[in-house]
Amino acid sequence: MESRPEITALLSLSVQRYISPHNDPRIYWAREVTFDYATTKAVRVDYMKFKPVNNTVSGIEKGDFFCYEVKSSVEDFHSKNGHNFLGDYNYYVMPEEVYEKVKDQVPYGVGVLVPEKKHYRGEWYELKSVKKAMRRDRTRPVSEILLMMFRSAARDRG
């Protein structure tokens, strides 16, 4: 059985492959996206993806944000950190045995992805949805979320 940090690393790699399976530059995503930085209410989202309708002004404005929070254990799920769902669609990513123990505590409208099988080309798992996320109204504008995602992505490059 893997340790919690190993499970977190495996789930994290699996989320990255789920979001962008072929490392496509037209898929806009970032990890550890921080909002309200330098305040007492700073929140960090493990992974975020932006899917514009198209590249027109209105297509970008009407785009959807997806948030993914990795939870490696029941204790991790119960911690106060990492329940930051700022997107149109929001997901937990956790081992199936963790989901079985906490499924009645997953908030309404929040989806859950679990590892299904190891990918044939690597050390990550293909993820399957065991609970579908429902669209919710965002409270933050597209411009703010994109800026925070851009800042996080830029940090990873440098």
Protein backbone atom coordinates (compact mmCIF):
# COMPACT_ATOMS: atom_id res chain seq x y z
CA MET A 1 0.00 0.00 0.00
CA GLU A 2 1.35 3.40 -0.97
CA SER A 3 1.90 6.22 1.52
CA ARG A 4 -0.31 9.29 1.47
CA PRO A 5 2.31 11.45 -0.35
CA GLU A 6 2.72 8.67 -2.96
CA ILE A 7 -1.05 8.43 -3.45
CA THR A 8 -1.26 12.23 -3.77
CA ALA A 9 1.56 12.25 -6.35
CA LEU A 10 -0.08 9.43 -8.34
CA LEU A 11 -3.50 11.12 -8.26
CA SER A 12 -1.91 14.45 -9.25
CA LEU A 13 -0.16 12.92 -12.26
CA SER A 14 -3.42 11.19 -13.18
CA VAL A 15 -5.33 14.51 -13.04
CA GLN A 16 -2.74 16.18 -15.28
CA ARG A 17 -3.08 13.37 -17.82
CA TYR A 18 -6.88 13.55 -17.53
CA ILE A 19 -6.91 17.31 -18.17
CA SER A 20 -4.37 17.23 -21.01
CA PRO A 21 -3.72 13.67 -22.22
CA HIS A 22 -1.47 14.71 -25.13
CA ASN A 23 0.08 17.86 -23.66
CA ASP A 24 -1.98 19.94 -26.10
CA PRO A 25 -1.14 23.68 -25.89
CA ARG A 26 -4.78 24.46 -26.72
CA ILE A 27 -5.86 23.01 -23.37
CA TYR A 28 -5.55 25.76 -20.79
CA TRP A 29 -4.77 24.52 -17.31
CA ALA A 30 -2.69 25.28 -14.24
CA ARG A 31 -1.90 23.67 -10.91
CA GLU A 32 -1.93 25.15 -7.42
CA VAL A 33 -3.87 28.22 -8.45
CA THR A 34 -4.00 30.73 -5.59
CA PHE A 35 -6.76 33.30 -5.12
CA ASP A 36 -6.87 36.19 -2.65
CA TYR A 37 -3.09 35.94 -2.35
CA ALA A 38 -1.54 37.88 0.56
CA THR A 39 -4.81 38.00 2.49
CA THR A 40 -5.95 35.95 5.46
CA LYS A 41 -8.48 34.25 3.19
CA ALA A 42 -6.08 32.93 0.53
CA VAL A 43 -7.32 29.75 -1.15
CA ARG A 44 -5.49 27.38 -3.47
CA VAL A 45 -7.11 25.09 -6.02
CA ASP A 46 -5.07 21.97 -6.84
CA TYR A 47 -5.85 22.01 -10.59
CA MET A 48 -7.90 24.28 -12.84
CA LYS A 49 -8.81 24.01 -16.50
CA PHE A 50 -10.44 26.62 -18.73
CA LYS A 51 -12.46 25.54 -21.73
CA PRO A 52 -13.55 28.47 -23.94
CA VAL A 53 -16.50 27.96 -26.29
CA ASN A 54 -14.21 29.33 -29.04
CA ASN A 55 -11.61 32.10 -29.36
CA THR A 56 -14.02 34.97 -29.96
CA VAL A 57 -14.61 37.55 -27.22
CA SER A 58 -18.00 36.08 -26.33
CA GLY A 59 -16.66 32.51 -26.68
CA ILE A 60 -13.99 33.27 -24.09
CA GLU A 61 -16.46 35.06 -21.80
CA LYS A 62 -18.82 32.06 -21.99
CA GLY A 63 -16.07 29.53 -21.32
CA ASP A 64 -16.18 27.07 -18.42
CA PHE A 65 -13.75 26.59 -15.55
CA PHE A 66 -13.16 23.16 -14.05
CA CYS A 67 -11.65 22.75 -10.56
CA TYR A 68 -10.05 19.53 -9.32
CA GLU A 69 -9.17 18.94 -5.66
CA VAL A 70 -6.99 15.89 -4.89
CA LYS A 71 -7.88 13.97 -1.71
CA SER A 72 -5.66 10.98 -0.92
CA SER A 73 -7.38 9.78 2.28
CA VAL A 74 -10.45 10.18 4.47
CA GLU A 75 -8.38 12.38 6.83
CA ASP A 76 -7.33 14.53 3.88
CA PHE A 77 -11.00 14.84 2.84
CA HIS A 78 -11.94 15.94 6.37
CA SER A 79 -9.16 18.53 6.65
CA LYS A 80 -10.26 22.14 6.31
CA ASN A 81 -7.88 22.71 3.39
CA GLY A 82 -8.53 22.03 -0.26
CA HIS A 83 -12.28 22.36 -0.73
CA ASN A 84 -11.99 25.39 -2.97
CA PHE A 85 -14.55 25.09 -5.69
CA LEU A 86 -14.54 28.29 -7.70
CA GLY A 87 -15.35 26.80 -11.10
CA ASP A 88 -18.41 26.14 -13.18
CA TYR A 89 -17.73 22.42 -12.68
CA ASN A 90 -15.95 21.11 -9.59
CA TYR A 91 -14.46 17.72 -8.82
CA TYR A 92 -12.77 15.78 -6.07
CA VAL A 93 -10.16 13.25 -7.24
CA MET A 94 -9.69 10.40 -4.76
CA PRO A 95 -9.13 6.65 -4.48
CA GLU A 96 -12.37 4.69 -4.85
CA GLU A 97 -12.09 3.27 -1.30
CA VAL A 98 -11.94 6.84 0.06
CA TYR A 99 -14.99 7.80 -2.00
CA GLU A 100 -16.93 4.83 -0.59
CA LYS A 101 -16.31 6.14 2.94
CA VAL A 102 -17.10 9.82 2.27
CA LYS A 103 -19.68 9.70 -0.56
CA ASP A 104 -22.49 10.92 1.69
CA GLN A 105 -20.39 13.97 2.64
CA VAL A 106 -19.55 15.13 -0.90
CA PRO A 107 -21.44 18.40 -1.42
CA TYR A 108 -24.36 18.51 -3.82
CA GLY A 109 -23.20 19.31 -7.35
CA VAL A 110 -19.54 18.41 -6.76
CA GLY A 111 -18.33 15.54 -8.93
CA VAL A 112 -15.89 12.77 -8.06
CA LEU A 113 -13.22 11.14 -10.23
CA VAL A 114 -11.49 7.92 -9.14
CA PRO A 115 -8.62 5.90 -10.64
CA GLU A 116 -9.88 3.14 -12.92
CA LYS A 117 -6.94 1.32 -14.43
CA LYS A 118 -3.27 2.07 -14.95
CA HIS A 119 -2.62 3.69 -18.30
CA TYR A 120 -0.86 1.33 -20.66
CA ARG A 121 1.87 3.89 -21.41
CA GLY A 122 2.86 5.04 -17.97
CA GLU A 123 2.67 5.26 -14.23
CA TRP A 124 -0.66 7.04 -13.98
CA TYR A 125 -4.27 5.99 -13.80
CA GLU A 126 -7.10 6.69 -16.16
CA LEU A 127 -9.81 8.44 -14.17
CA LYS A 128 -13.50 7.65 -14.29
CA SER A 129 -16.41 9.68 -13.00
CA VAL A 130 -18.38 8.07 -10.18
CA LYS A 131 -20.34 11.26 -9.51
CA LYS A 132 -21.04 13.84 -12.18
CA ALA A 133 -20.42 17.51 -11.41
CA MET A 134 -23.31 19.88 -11.97
CA ARG A 135 -22.84 23.39 -13.31
CA ARG A 136 -22.92 26.08 -10.65
CA ASP A 137 -22.77 29.82 -10.86
CA ARG A 138 -19.27 31.21 -10.47
CA THR A 139 -18.71 34.14 -8.13
CA ARG A 140 -15.51 35.33 -9.83
CA PRO A 141 -15.08 36.88 -13.27
CA VAL A 142 -13.34 35.14 -16.16
CA SER A 143 -10.58 37.78 -16.15
CA GLU A 144 -9.62 37.19 -12.51
CA ILE A 145 -9.58 33.41 -12.81
CA LEU A 146 -7.55 33.50 -16.02
CA LEU A 147 -5.04 35.88 -14.44
CA MET A 148 -4.59 33.64 -11.39
CA MET A 149 -4.22 30.57 -13.65
CA PHE A 150 -1.69 32.42 -15.82
CA ARG A 151 0.33 33.44 -12.75
CA SER A 152 0.42 29.84 -11.52
CA ALA A 153 1.35 28.46 -14.94
CA ALA A 154 4.12 31.08 -15.29
CA ARG A 155 5.53 30.04 -11.90
CA ASP A 156 5.80 26.44 -13.14
CA ARG A 157 7.75 27.50 -16.25
CA GLY A 158 10.41 29.43 -14.46
